[in-house]
Amino acid sequence: QVQLVESGGGLVQAGGSLRLSCAASGYSFIVNDVGWYRQAPGKKRELVAIISSSGGTGYADSAKGRFTISRDNAKNIVYLQMNSLKPEDTAVYYCYAPKDDYWGQGTQVTVSS
């Protein structure tokens, strides 16, 4: 049974930082691409960042220069380091494995102004 479990969300002031984690059970992040998505109230879910099985990364324009996606192969965890957070980053953040269409349950990030 595959599970993707996000953690690390919370309430932070604008300009602050958070690190989100996505831990997988029953699924290897080493050989699969993994993405972070987010969905703000009333908006569509959008891609924030993605890391390929080979380690290549990609970012939404809104995340470039502020967010960093990385993977710990030994722990089978994908991280999203978010710096210089803005109120518009407020959303539920989801971990996603596109090859097999697996989603995590999401973690709330709230950035206060």
PDB file of N, CA and C in Angstrom:
ATOM      1  N   GLN A   1       0.847  -1.196   0.000  1.00  0.00           N
ATOM      2  CA  GLN A   1       0.000   0.000   0.000  1.00  0.00           C
ATOM      3  C   GLN A   1       0.881   1.243   0.000  1.00  0.00           C
ATOM      4  N   VAL A   2       0.699   2.063  -0.999  1.00  0.00           N
ATOM      5  CA  VAL A   2       1.523   3.254  -1.149  1.00  0.00           C
ATOM      6  C   VAL A   2       0.927   4.407  -0.346  1.00  0.00           C
ATOM      7  N   GLN A   3       1.808   5.092   0.378  1.00  0.00           N
ATOM      8  CA  GLN A   3       1.401   6.301   1.085  1.00  0.00           C
ATOM      9  C   GLN A   3       2.446   7.379   0.898  1.00  0.00           C
ATOM     10  N   LEU A   4       1.977   8.562   0.580  1.00  0.00           N
ATOM     11  CA  LEU A   4       2.829   9.753   0.574  1.00  0.00           C
ATOM     12  C   LEU A   4       2.322  10.650   1.694  1.00  0.00           C
ATOM     13  N   VAL A   5       3.206  11.005   2.612  1.00  0.00           N
ATOM     14  CA  VAL A   5       2.794  11.766   3.784  1.00  0.00           C
ATOM     15  C   VAL A   5       3.600  13.052   3.871  1.00  0.00           C
ATOM     16  N   GLU A   6       2.897  14.176   3.782  1.00  0.00           N
ATOM     17  CA  GLU A   6       3.544  15.476   3.891  1.00  0.00           C
ATOM     18  C   GLU A   6       3.568  15.939   5.343  1.00  0.00           C
ATOM     19  N   SER A   7       4.561  16.740   5.654  1.00  0.00           N
ATOM     20  CA  SER A   7       4.644  17.372   6.970  1.00  0.00           C
ATOM     21  C   SER A   7       5.460  18.645   6.844  1.00  0.00           C
ATOM     22  N   GLY A   8       5.426  19.460   7.894  1.00  0.00           N
ATOM     23  CA  GLY A   8       6.249  20.661   7.929  1.00  0.00           C
ATOM     24  C   GLY A   8       5.502  21.950   7.676  1.00  0.00           C
ATOM     25  N   GLY A   9       4.227  21.860   7.350  1.00  0.00           N
ATOM     26  CA  GLY A   9       3.462  23.081   7.144  1.00  0.00           C
ATOM     27  C   GLY A   9       3.211  23.798   8.457  1.00  0.00           C
ATOM     28  N   GLY A  10       2.647  24.993   8.337  1.00  0.00           N
ATOM     29  CA  GLY A  10       2.350  25.759   9.533  1.00  0.00           C
ATOM     30  C   GLY A  10       2.093  27.210   9.208  1.00  0.00           C
ATOM     31  N   LEU A  11       2.101  28.016  10.263  1.00  0.00           N
ATOM     32  CA  LEU A  11       1.880  29.455  10.142  1.00  0.00           C
ATOM     33  C   LEU A  11       3.215  30.165  10.284  1.00  0.00           C
ATOM     34  N   VAL A  12       3.506  31.046   9.347  1.00  0.00           N
ATOM     35  CA  VAL A  12       4.773  31.770   9.365  1.00  0.00           C
ATOM     36  C   VAL A  12       4.518  33.194   8.888  1.00  0.00           C
ATOM     37  N   GLN A  13       5.326  34.117   9.367  1.00  0.00           N
ATOM     38  CA  GLN A  13       5.209  35.504   8.920  1.00  0.00           C
ATOM     39  C   GLN A  13       5.860  35.677   7.552  1.00  0.00           C
ATOM     40  N   ALA A  14       5.408  36.663   6.834  1.00  0.00           N
ATOM     41  CA  ALA A  14       6.008  36.984   5.548  1.00  0.00           C
ATOM     42  C   ALA A  14       7.516  37.192   5.718  1.00  0.00           C
ATOM     43  N   GLY A  15       8.273  36.636   4.786  1.00  0.00           N
ATOM     44  CA  GLY A  15       9.723  36.701   4.861  1.00  0.00           C
ATOM     45  C   GLY A  15      10.348  35.512   5.559  1.00  0.00           C
ATOM     46  N   GLY A  16       9.516  34.703   6.196  1.00  0.00           N
ATOM     47  CA  GLY A  16      10.023  33.543   6.916  1.00  0.00           C
ATOM     48  C   GLY A  16      10.237  32.345   6.013  1.00  0.00           C
ATOM     49  N   SER A  17      10.591  31.221   6.645  1.00  0.00           N
ATOM     50  CA  SER A  17      10.923  30.006   5.910  1.00  0.00           C
ATOM     51  C   SER A  17      10.207  28.806   6.513  1.00  0.00           C
ATOM     52  N   LEU A  18       9.970  27.832   5.679  1.00  0.00           N
ATOM     53  CA  LEU A  18       9.464  26.539   6.103  1.00  0.00           C
ATOM     54  C   LEU A  18      10.113  25.463   5.242  1.00  0.00           C
ATOM     55  N   ARG A  19      10.240  24.280   5.814  1.00  0.00           N
ATOM     56  CA  ARG A  19      10.684  23.141   5.027  1.00  0.00           C
ATOM     57  C   ARG A  19       9.629  22.054   5.093  1.00  0.00           C
ATOM     58  N   LEU A  20       9.090  21.736   3.946  1.00  0.00           N
ATOM     59  CA  LEU A  20       8.105  20.669   3.842  1.00  0.00           C
ATOM     60  C   LEU A  20       8.810  19.355   3.524  1.00  0.00           C
ATOM     61  N   SER A  21       8.261  18.284   4.062  1.00  0.00           N
ATOM     62  CA  SER A  21       8.790  16.949   3.801  1.00  0.00           C
ATOM     63  C   SER A  21       7.694  16.070   3.226  1.00  0.00           C
ATOM     64  N   CYS A  22       8.074  15.200   2.334  1.00  0.00           N
ATOM     65  CA  CYS A  22       7.159  14.188   1.797  1.00  0.00           C
ATOM     66  C   CYS A  22       7.844  12.843   1.944  1.00  0.00           C
ATOM     67  N   ALA A  23       7.312  12.032   2.826  1.00  0.00           N
ATOM     68  CA  ALA A  23       7.858  10.704   3.068  1.00  0.00           C
ATOM     69  C   ALA A  23       6.989   9.662   2.397  1.00  0.00           C
ATOM     70  N   ALA A  24       7.632   8.708   1.759  1.00  0.00           N
ATOM     71  CA  ALA A  24       6.901   7.670   1.040  1.00  0.00           C
ATOM     72  C   ALA A  24       7.071   6.313   1.694  1.00  0.00           C
ATOM     73  N   SER A  25       5.998   5.580   1.700  1.00  0.00           N
ATOM     74  CA  SER A  25       6.081   4.168   2.092  1.00  0.00           C
ATOM     75  C   SER A  25       5.506   3.341   0.950  1.00  0.00           C
ATOM     76  N   GLY A  26       6.174   2.259   0.651  1.00  0.00           N
ATOM     77  CA  GLY A  26       5.719   1.408  -0.441  1.00  0.00           C
ATOM     78  C   GLY A  26       5.992   1.987  -1.813  1.00  0.00           C
ATOM     79  N   TYR A  27       6.848   2.972  -1.873  1.00  0.00           N
ATOM     80  CA  TYR A  27       7.107   3.651  -3.158  1.00  0.00           C
ATOM     81  C   TYR A  27       8.484   4.271  -3.096  1.00  0.00           C
ATOM     82  N   SER A  28       9.248   4.102  -4.181  1.00  0.00           N
ATOM     83  CA  SER A  28      10.602   4.634  -4.191  1.00  0.00           C
ATOM     84  C   SER A  28      10.665   5.968  -4.913  1.00  0.00           C
ATOM     85  N   PHE A  29      11.162   6.982  -4.220  1.00  0.00           N
ATOM     86  CA  PHE A  29      11.368   8.281  -4.849  1.00  0.00           C
ATOM     87  C   PHE A  29      12.649   8.297  -5.684  1.00  0.00           C
ATOM     88  N   ILE A  30      13.506   7.310  -5.480  1.00  0.00           N
ATOM     89  CA  ILE A  30      14.795   7.312  -6.165  1.00  0.00           C
ATOM     90  C   ILE A  30      14.606   7.105  -7.670  1.00  0.00           C
ATOM     91  N   VAL A  31      13.628   6.288  -8.030  1.00  0.00           N
ATOM     92  CA  VAL A  31      13.453   5.946  -9.445  1.00  0.00           C
ATOM     93  C   VAL A  31      12.243   6.616 -10.071  1.00  0.00           C
ATOM     94  N   ASN A  32      11.653   7.562  -9.358  1.00  0.00           N
ATOM     95  CA  ASN A  32      10.460   8.234  -9.866  1.00  0.00           C
ATOM     96  C   ASN A  32      10.547   9.740  -9.689  1.00  0.00           C
ATOM     97  N   ASP A  33       9.931  10.449 -10.606  1.00  0.00           N
ATOM     98  CA  ASP A  33       9.798  11.891 -10.461  1.00  0.00           C
ATOM     99  C   ASP A  33       8.825  12.192  -9.327  1.00  0.00           C
ATOM    100  N   VAL A  34       9.062  13.298  -8.636  1.00  0.00           N
ATOM    101  CA  VAL A  34       8.181  13.719  -7.552  1.00  0.00           C
ATOM    102  C   VAL A  34       7.987  15.226  -7.646  1.00  0.00           C
ATOM    103  N   GLY A  35       6.746  15.639  -7.475  1.00  0.00           N
ATOM    104  CA  GLY A  35       6.458  17.061  -7.546  1.00  0.00           C
ATOM    105  C   GLY A  35       5.783  17.570  -6.293  1.00  0.00           C
ATOM    106  N   TRP A  36       5.930  18.864  -6.070  1.00  0.00           N
ATOM    107  CA  TRP A  36       5.150  19.570  -5.056  1.00  0.00           C
ATOM    108  C   TRP A  36       4.155  20.463  -5.783  1.00  0.00           C
ATOM    109  N   TYR A  37       2.903  20.335  -5.390  1.00  0.00           N
ATOM    110  CA  TYR A  37       1.827  21.170  -5.912  1.00  0.00           C
ATOM    111  C   TYR A  37       1.221  21.943  -4.749  1.00  0.00           C
ATOM    112  N   ARG A  38       0.471  22.977  -5.097  1.00  0.00           N
ATOM    113  CA  ARG A  38      -0.253  23.695  -4.060  1.00  0.00           C
ATOM    114  C   ARG A  38      -1.607  24.136  -4.590  1.00  0.00           C
ATOM    115  N   GLN A  39      -2.517  24.315  -3.660  1.00  0.00           N
ATOM    116  CA  GLN A  39      -3.851  24.779  -4.024  1.00  0.00           C
ATOM    117  C   GLN A  39      -4.322  25.783  -2.993  1.00  0.00           C
ATOM    118  N   ALA A  40      -4.529  26.998  -3.445  1.00  0.00           N
ATOM    119  CA  ALA A  40      -5.048  28.053  -2.586  1.00  0.00           C
ATOM    120  C   ALA A  40      -6.580  28.051  -2.679  1.00  0.00           C
ATOM    121  N   PRO A  41      -7.255  28.591  -1.688  1.00  0.00           N
ATOM    122  CA  PRO A  41      -8.725  28.615  -1.717  1.00  0.00           C
ATOM    123  C   PRO A  41      -9.254  29.283  -2.971  1.00  0.00           C
ATOM    124  N   GLY A  42     -10.161  28.605  -3.663  1.00  0.00           N
ATOM    125  CA  GLY A  42     -10.775  29.165  -4.856  1.00  0.00           C
ATOM    126  C   GLY A  42      -9.912  29.120  -6.099  1.00  0.00           C
ATOM    127  N   LYS A  43      -8.746  28.490  -5.988  1.00  0.00           N
ATOM    128  CA  LYS A  43      -7.845  28.438  -7.143  1.00  0.00           C
ATOM    129  C   LYS A  43      -7.559  26.997  -7.542  1.00  0.00           C
ATOM    130  N   LYS A  44      -7.059  26.838  -8.766  1.00  0.00           N
ATOM    131  CA  LYS A  44      -6.699  25.512  -9.249  1.00  0.00           C
ATOM    132  C   LYS A  44      -5.400  25.049  -8.604  1.00  0.00           C
ATOM    133  N   ARG A  45      -5.256  23.749  -8.505  1.00  0.00           N
ATOM    134  CA  ARG A  45      -3.998  23.194  -8.016  1.00  0.00           C
ATOM    135  C   ARG A  45      -2.915  23.476  -9.055  1.00  0.00           C
ATOM    136  N   GLU A  46      -1.742  23.892  -8.579  1.00  0.00           N
ATOM    137  CA  GLU A  46      -0.677  24.258  -9.497  1.00  0.00           C
ATOM    138  C   GLU A  46       0.646  23.629  -9.083  1.00  0.00           C
ATOM    139  N   LEU A  47       1.475  23.365 -10.085  1.00  0.00           N
ATOM    140  CA  LEU A  47       2.792  22.811  -9.825  1.00  0.00           C
ATOM    141  C   LEU A  47       3.688  23.891  -9.239  1.00  0.00           C
ATOM    142  N   VAL A  48       4.426  23.520  -8.199  1.00  0.00           N
ATOM    143  CA  VAL A  48       5.384  24.426  -7.576  1.00  0.00           C
ATOM    144  C   VAL A  48       6.801  24.051  -7.969  1.00  0.00           C
ATOM    145  N   ALA A  49       7.126  22.770  -7.830  1.00  0.00           N
ATOM    146  CA  ALA A  49       8.473  22.310  -8.122  1.00  0.00           C
ATOM    147  C   ALA A  49       8.431  20.815  -8.390  1.00  0.00           C
ATOM    148  N   ILE A  50       9.423  20.339  -9.140  1.00  0.00           N
ATOM    149  CA  ILE A  50       9.486  18.923  -9.439  1.00  0.00           C
ATOM    150  C   ILE A  50      10.949  18.494  -9.483  1.00  0.00           C
ATOM    151  N   ILE A  51      11.182  17.251  -9.043  1.00  0.00           N
ATOM    152  CA  ILE A  51      12.514  16.681  -9.116  1.00  0.00           C
ATOM    153  C   ILE A  51      12.402  15.354  -9.849  1.00  0.00           C
ATOM    154  N   SER A  52      13.267  15.162 -10.823  1.00  0.00           N
ATOM    155  CA  SER A  52      13.212  13.936 -11.607  1.00  0.00           C
ATOM    156  C   SER A  52      14.005  12.837 -10.915  1.00  0.00           C
ATOM    157  N   SER A  53      13.834  11.623 -11.413  1.00  0.00           N
ATOM    158  CA  SER A  53      14.563  10.494 -10.850  1.00  0.00           C
ATOM    159  C   SER A  53      16.074  10.683 -11.000  1.00  0.00           C
ATOM    160  N   SER A  54      16.489  11.425 -12.007  1.00  0.00           N
ATOM    161  CA  SER A  54      17.917  11.671 -12.227  1.00  0.00           C
ATOM    162  C   SER A  54      18.429  12.871 -11.441  1.00  0.00           C
ATOM    163  N   GLY A  55      17.518  13.558 -10.742  1.00  0.00           N
ATOM    164  CA  GLY A  55      17.929  14.680  -9.904  1.00  0.00           C
ATOM    165  C   GLY A  55      17.723  16.051 -10.526  1.00  0.00           C
ATOM    166  N   GLY A  56      17.272  16.090 -11.747  1.00  0.00           N
ATOM    167  CA  GLY A  56      16.972  17.376 -12.349  1.00  0.00           C
ATOM    168  C   GLY A  56      15.785  18.034 -11.678  1.00  0.00           C
ATOM    169  N   THR A  57      15.778  19.346 -11.641  1.00  0.00           N
ATOM    170  CA  THR A  57      14.709  20.064 -10.954  1.00  0.00           C
ATOM    171  C   THR A  57      14.074  21.102 -11.863  1.00  0.00           C
ATOM    172  N   GLY A  58      12.840  21.428 -11.556  1.00  0.00           N
ATOM    173  CA  GLY A  58      12.126  22.476 -12.273  1.00  0.00           C
ATOM    174  C   GLY A  58      11.226  23.213 -11.315  1.00  0.00           C
ATOM    175  N   TYR A  59      10.983  24.486 -11.593  1.00  0.00           N
ATOM    176  CA  TYR A  59      10.216  25.328 -10.687  1.00  0.00           C
ATOM    177  C   TYR A  59       9.228  26.191 -11.448  1.00  0.00           C
ATOM    178  N   ALA A  60       8.113  26.453 -10.789  1.00  0.00           N
ATOM    179  CA  ALA A  60       7.207  27.474 -11.285  1.00  0.00           C
ATOM    180  C   ALA A  60       7.895  28.822 -11.154  1.00  0.00           C
ATOM    181  N   ASP A  61       7.504  29.762 -11.997  1.00  0.00           N
ATOM    182  CA  ASP A  61       8.120  31.088 -11.938  1.00  0.00           C
ATOM    183  C   ASP A  61       7.981  31.691 -10.540  1.00  0.00           C
ATOM    184  N   SER A  62       6.855  31.433  -9.905  1.00  0.00           N
ATOM    185  CA  SER A  62       6.600  32.002  -8.576  1.00  0.00           C
ATOM    186  C   SER A  62       7.533  31.442  -7.511  1.00  0.00           C
ATOM    187  N   ALA A  63       8.137  30.292  -7.792  1.00  0.00           N
ATOM    188  CA  ALA A  63       8.988  29.627  -6.811  1.00  0.00           C
ATOM    189  C   ALA A  63      10.483  29.816  -7.083  1.00  0.00           C
ATOM    190  N   LYS A  64      10.819  30.200  -8.277  1.00  0.00           N
ATOM    191  CA  LYS A  64      12.229  30.323  -8.646  1.00  0.00           C
ATOM    192  C   LYS A  64      12.950  31.342  -7.764  1.00  0.00           C
ATOM    193  N   GLY A  65      14.107  30.936  -7.281  1.00  0.00           N
ATOM    194  CA  GLY A  65      14.905  31.814  -6.447  1.00  0.00           C
ATOM    195  C   GLY A  65      14.533  31.813  -4.977  1.00  0.00           C
ATOM    196  N   ARG A  66      13.385  31.227  -4.651  1.00  0.00           N
ATOM    197  CA  ARG A  66      12.939  31.210  -3.245  1.00  0.00           C
ATOM    198  C   ARG A  66      12.780  29.791  -2.714  1.00  0.00           C
ATOM    199  N   PHE A  67      12.357  28.870  -3.558  1.00  0.00           N
ATOM    200  CA  PHE A  67      12.092  27.486  -3.133  1.00  0.00           C
ATOM    201  C   PHE A  67      13.141  26.557  -3.713  1.00  0.00           C
ATOM    202  N   THR A  68      13.446  25.507  -2.960  1.00  0.00           N
ATOM    203  CA  THR A  68      14.378  24.494  -3.432  1.00  0.00           C
ATOM    204  C   THR A  68      13.810  23.115  -3.142  1.00  0.00           C
ATOM    205  N   ILE A  69      13.722  22.295  -4.169  1.00  0.00           N
ATOM    206  CA  ILE A  69      13.275  20.913  -4.000  1.00  0.00           C
ATOM    207  C   ILE A  69      14.512  20.020  -3.954  1.00  0.00           C
ATOM    208  N   SER A  70      14.471  19.037  -3.064  1.00  0.00           N
ATOM    209  CA  SER A  70      15.608  18.128  -2.947  1.00  0.00           C
ATOM    210  C   SER A  70      15.102  16.767  -2.493  1.00  0.00           C
ATOM    211  N   ARG A  71      15.995  15.794  -2.558  1.00  0.00           N
ATOM    212  CA  ARG A  71      15.614  14.417  -2.220  1.00  0.00           C
ATOM    213  C   ARG A  71      16.705  13.783  -1.382  1.00  0.00           C
ATOM    214  N   ASP A  72      16.283  13.102  -0.341  1.00  0.00           N
ATOM    215  CA  ASP A  72      17.201  12.305   0.473  1.00  0.00           C
ATOM    216  C   ASP A  72      16.970  10.845   0.097  1.00  0.00           C
ATOM    217  N   ASN A  73      17.880  10.291  -0.672  1.00  0.00           N
ATOM    218  CA  ASN A  73      17.672   8.929  -1.167  1.00  0.00           C
ATOM    219  C   ASN A  73      17.671   7.896  -0.035  1.00  0.00           C
ATOM    220  N   ALA A  74      18.511   8.102   0.949  1.00  0.00           N
ATOM    221  CA  ALA A  74      18.602   7.130   2.038  1.00  0.00           C
ATOM    222  C   ALA A  74      17.301   7.069   2.839  1.00  0.00           C
ATOM    223  N   LYS A  75      16.659   8.219   2.997  1.00  0.00           N
ATOM    224  CA  LYS A  75      15.429   8.284   3.788  1.00  0.00           C
ATOM    225  C   LYS A  75      14.175   8.185   2.924  1.00  0.00           C
ATOM    226  N   ASN A  76      14.351   8.252   1.609  1.00  0.00           N
ATOM    227  CA  ASN A  76      13.214   8.227   0.690  1.00  0.00           C
ATOM    228  C   ASN A  76      12.238   9.370   0.993  1.00  0.00           C
ATOM    229  N   ILE A  77      12.787  10.548   1.140  1.00  0.00           N
ATOM    230  CA  ILE A  77      12.017  11.751   1.455  1.00  0.00           C
ATOM    231  C   ILE A  77      12.356  12.833   0.429  1.00  0.00           C
ATOM    232  N   VAL A  78      11.342  13.551   0.015  1.00  0.00           N
ATOM    233  CA  VAL A  78      11.533  14.726  -0.838  1.00  0.00           C
ATOM    234  C   VAL A  78      11.174  15.956  -0.018  1.00  0.00           C
ATOM    235  N   TYR A  79      12.014  16.967  -0.103  1.00  0.00           N
ATOM    236  CA  TYR A  79      11.822  18.192   0.657  1.00  0.00           C
ATOM    237  C   TYR A  79      11.484  19.361  -0.268  1.00  0.00           C
ATOM    238  N   LEU A  80      10.825  20.334   0.325  1.00  0.00           N
ATOM    239  CA  LEU A  80      10.636  21.617  -0.343  1.00  0.00           C
ATOM    240  C   LEU A  80      11.020  22.695   0.662  1.00  0.00           C
ATOM    241  N   GLN A  81      12.185  23.272   0.457  1.00  0.00           N
ATOM    242  CA  GLN A  81      12.634  24.378   1.293  1.00  0.00           C
ATOM    243  C   GLN A  81      12.057  25.664   0.721  1.00  0.00           C
ATOM    244  N   MET A  82      11.311  26.370   1.542  1.00  0.00           N
ATOM    245  CA  MET A  82      10.654  27.590   1.087  1.00  0.00           C
ATOM    246  C   MET A  82      11.164  28.767   1.899  1.00  0.00           C
ATOM    247  N   ASN A  83      11.803  29.712   1.227  1.00  0.00           N
ATOM    248  CA  ASN A  83      12.343  30.901   1.858  1.00  0.00           C
ATOM    249  C   ASN A  83      11.624  32.138   1.341  1.00  0.00           C
ATOM    250  N   SER A  84      11.801  33.231   2.049  1.00  0.00           N
ATOM    251  CA  SER A  84      11.203  34.511   1.650  1.00  0.00           C
ATOM    252  C   SER A  84       9.720  34.344   1.326  1.00  0.00           C
ATOM    253  N   LEU A  85       9.022  33.695   2.223  1.00  0.00           N
ATOM    254  CA  LEU A  85       7.618  33.394   1.979  1.00  0.00           C
ATOM    255  C   LEU A  85       6.775  34.658   1.922  1.00  0.00           C
ATOM    256  N   LYS A  86       5.745  34.583   1.077  1.00  0.00           N
ATOM    257  CA  LYS A  86       4.843  35.702   0.863  1.00  0.00           C
ATOM    258  C   LYS A  86       3.408  35.267   1.198  1.00  0.00           C
ATOM    259  N   PRO A  87       2.543  36.189   1.531  1.00  0.00           N
ATOM    260  CA  PRO A  87       1.145  35.809   1.800  1.00  0.00           C
ATOM    261  C   PRO A  87       0.515  35.029   0.642  1.00  0.00           C
ATOM    262  N   GLU A  88       0.903  35.323  -0.574  1.00  0.00           N
ATOM    263  CA  GLU A  88       0.343  34.609  -1.722  1.00  0.00           C
ATOM    264  C   GLU A  88       0.829  33.163  -1.846  1.00  0.00           C
ATOM    265  N   ASP A  89       1.767  32.770  -0.996  1.00  0.00           N
ATOM    266  CA  ASP A  89       2.189  31.368  -0.941  1.00  0.00           C
ATOM    267  C   ASP A  89       1.252  30.537  -0.069  1.00  0.00           C
ATOM    268  N   THR A  90       0.323  31.180   0.591  1.00  0.00           N
ATOM    269  CA  THR A  90      -0.634  30.463   1.436  1.00  0.00           C
ATOM    270  C   THR A  90      -1.443  29.480   0.599  1.00  0.00           C
ATOM    271  N   ALA A  91      -1.419  28.223   0.998  1.00  0.00           N
ATOM    272  CA  ALA A  91      -2.095  27.167   0.251  1.00  0.00           C
ATOM    273  C   ALA A  91      -1.916  25.850   0.987  1.00  0.00           C
ATOM    274  N   VAL A  92      -2.635  24.848   0.509  1.00  0.00           N
ATOM    275  CA  VAL A  92      -2.346  23.473   0.910  1.00  0.00           C
ATOM    276  C   VAL A  92      -1.328  22.931  -0.088  1.00  0.00           C
ATOM    277  N   TYR A  93      -0.253  22.390   0.436  1.00  0.00           N
ATOM    278  CA  TYR A  93       0.826  21.875  -0.397  1.00  0.00           C
ATOM    279  C   TYR A  93       0.745  20.343  -0.429  1.00  0.00           C
ATOM    280  N   TYR A  94       0.840  19.805  -1.647  1.00  0.00           N
ATOM    281  CA  TYR A  94       0.704  18.377  -1.867  1.00  0.00           C
ATOM    282  C   TYR A  94       1.949  17.807  -2.531  1.00  0.00           C
ATOM    283  N   CYS A  95       2.262  16.609  -2.137  1.00  0.00           N
ATOM    284  CA  CYS A  95       3.304  15.835  -2.780  1.00  0.00           C
ATOM    285  C   CYS A  95       2.626  14.953  -3.831  1.00  0.00           C
ATOM    286  N   TYR A  96       3.286  14.796  -4.988  1.00  0.00           N
ATOM    287  CA  TYR A  96       2.654  14.046  -6.083  1.00  0.00           C
ATOM    288  C   TYR A  96       3.687  13.248  -6.847  1.00  0.00           C
ATOM    289  N   ALA A  97       3.348  11.992  -7.111  1.00  0.00           N
ATOM    290  CA  ALA A  97       4.182  11.124  -7.938  1.00  0.00           C
ATOM    291  C   ALA A  97       3.454  10.931  -9.255  1.00  0.00           C
ATOM    292  N   PRO A  98       3.835  11.646 -10.295  1.00  0.00           N
ATOM    293  CA  PRO A  98       3.049  11.674 -11.536  1.00  0.00           C
ATOM    294  C   PRO A  98       2.989  10.358 -12.295  1.00  0.00           C
ATOM    295  N   LYS A  99       4.036   9.567 -12.219  1.00  0.00           N
ATOM    296  CA  LYS A  99       4.054   8.340 -13.022  1.00  0.00           C
ATOM    297  C   LYS A  99       2.918   7.400 -12.617  1.00  0.00           C
ATOM    298  N   ASP A 100       2.641   7.354 -11.308  1.00  0.00           N
ATOM    299  CA  ASP A 100       1.625   6.431 -10.807  1.00  0.00           C
ATOM    300  C   ASP A 100       0.409   7.161 -10.241  1.00  0.00           C
ATOM    301  N   ASP A 101       0.383   8.485 -10.383  1.00  0.00           N
ATOM    302  CA  ASP A 101      -0.754   9.295  -9.940  1.00  0.00           C
ATOM    303  C   ASP A 101      -1.037   9.127  -8.458  1.00  0.00           C
ATOM    304  N   TYR A 102       0.020   9.220  -7.655  1.00  0.00           N
ATOM    305  CA  TYR A 102      -0.146   9.158  -6.201  1.00  0.00           C
ATOM    306  C   TYR A 102      -0.068  10.562  -5.620  1.00  0.00           C
ATOM    307  N   TRP A 103      -1.027  10.874  -4.742  1.00  0.00           N
ATOM    308  CA  TRP A 103      -1.046  12.169  -4.050  1.00  0.00           C
ATOM    309  C   TRP A 103      -0.939  11.949  -2.550  1.00  0.00           C
ATOM    310  N   GLY A 104      -0.313  12.880  -1.892  1.00  0.00           N
ATOM    311  CA  GLY A 104      -0.361  12.901  -0.443  1.00  0.00           C
ATOM    312  C   GLY A 104      -1.624  13.611   0.010  1.00  0.00           C
ATOM    313  N   GLN A 105      -1.792  13.706   1.332  1.00  0.00           N
ATOM    314  CA  GLN A 105      -3.011  14.304   1.870  1.00  0.00           C
ATOM    315  C   GLN A 105      -2.926  15.822   1.984  1.00  0.00           C
ATOM    316  N   GLY A 106      -1.727  16.350   1.855  1.00  0.00           N
ATOM    317  CA  GLY A 106      -1.532  17.790   1.895  1.00  0.00           C
ATOM    318  C   GLY A 106      -1.149  18.315   3.259  1.00  0.00           C
ATOM    319  N   THR A 107      -0.462  19.445   3.246  1.00  0.00           N
ATOM    320  CA  THR A 107      -0.102  20.138   4.480  1.00  0.00           C
ATOM    321  C   THR A 107      -0.346  21.625   4.275  1.00  0.00           C
ATOM    322  N   GLN A 108      -0.967  22.254   5.265  1.00  0.00           N
ATOM    323  CA  GLN A 108      -1.352  23.658   5.138  1.00  0.00           C
ATOM    324  C   GLN A 108      -0.176  24.570   5.421  1.00  0.00           C
ATOM    325  N   VAL A 109       0.032  25.517   4.547  1.00  0.00           N
ATOM    326  CA  VAL A 109       1.011  26.584   4.753  1.00  0.00           C
ATOM    327  C   VAL A 109       0.255  27.906   4.752  1.00  0.00           C
ATOM    328  N   THR A 110       0.420  28.667   5.821  1.00  0.00           N
ATOM    329  CA  THR A 110      -0.228  29.964   5.933  1.00  0.00           C
ATOM    330  C   THR A 110       0.837  31.012   6.215  1.00  0.00           C
ATOM    331  N   VAL A 111       0.883  32.025   5.371  1.00  0.00           N
ATOM    332  CA  VAL A 111       1.861  33.090   5.512  1.00  0.00           C
ATOM    333  C   VAL A 111       1.111  34.377   5.844  1.00  0.00           C
ATOM    334  N   SER A 112       1.410  34.927   6.996  1.00  0.00           N
ATOM    335  CA  SER A 112       0.731  36.144   7.427  1.00  0.00           C
ATOM    336  C   SER A 112       1.538  37.372   7.014  1.00  0.00           C
ATOM    337  N   SER A 113       0.813  38.449   6.745  1.00  0.00           N
ATOM    338  CA  SER A 113       1.487  39.678   6.306  1.00  0.00           C
ATOM    339  C   SER A 113       1.870  40.544   7.490  1.00  0.00           C
TER     340      SER A 113
END
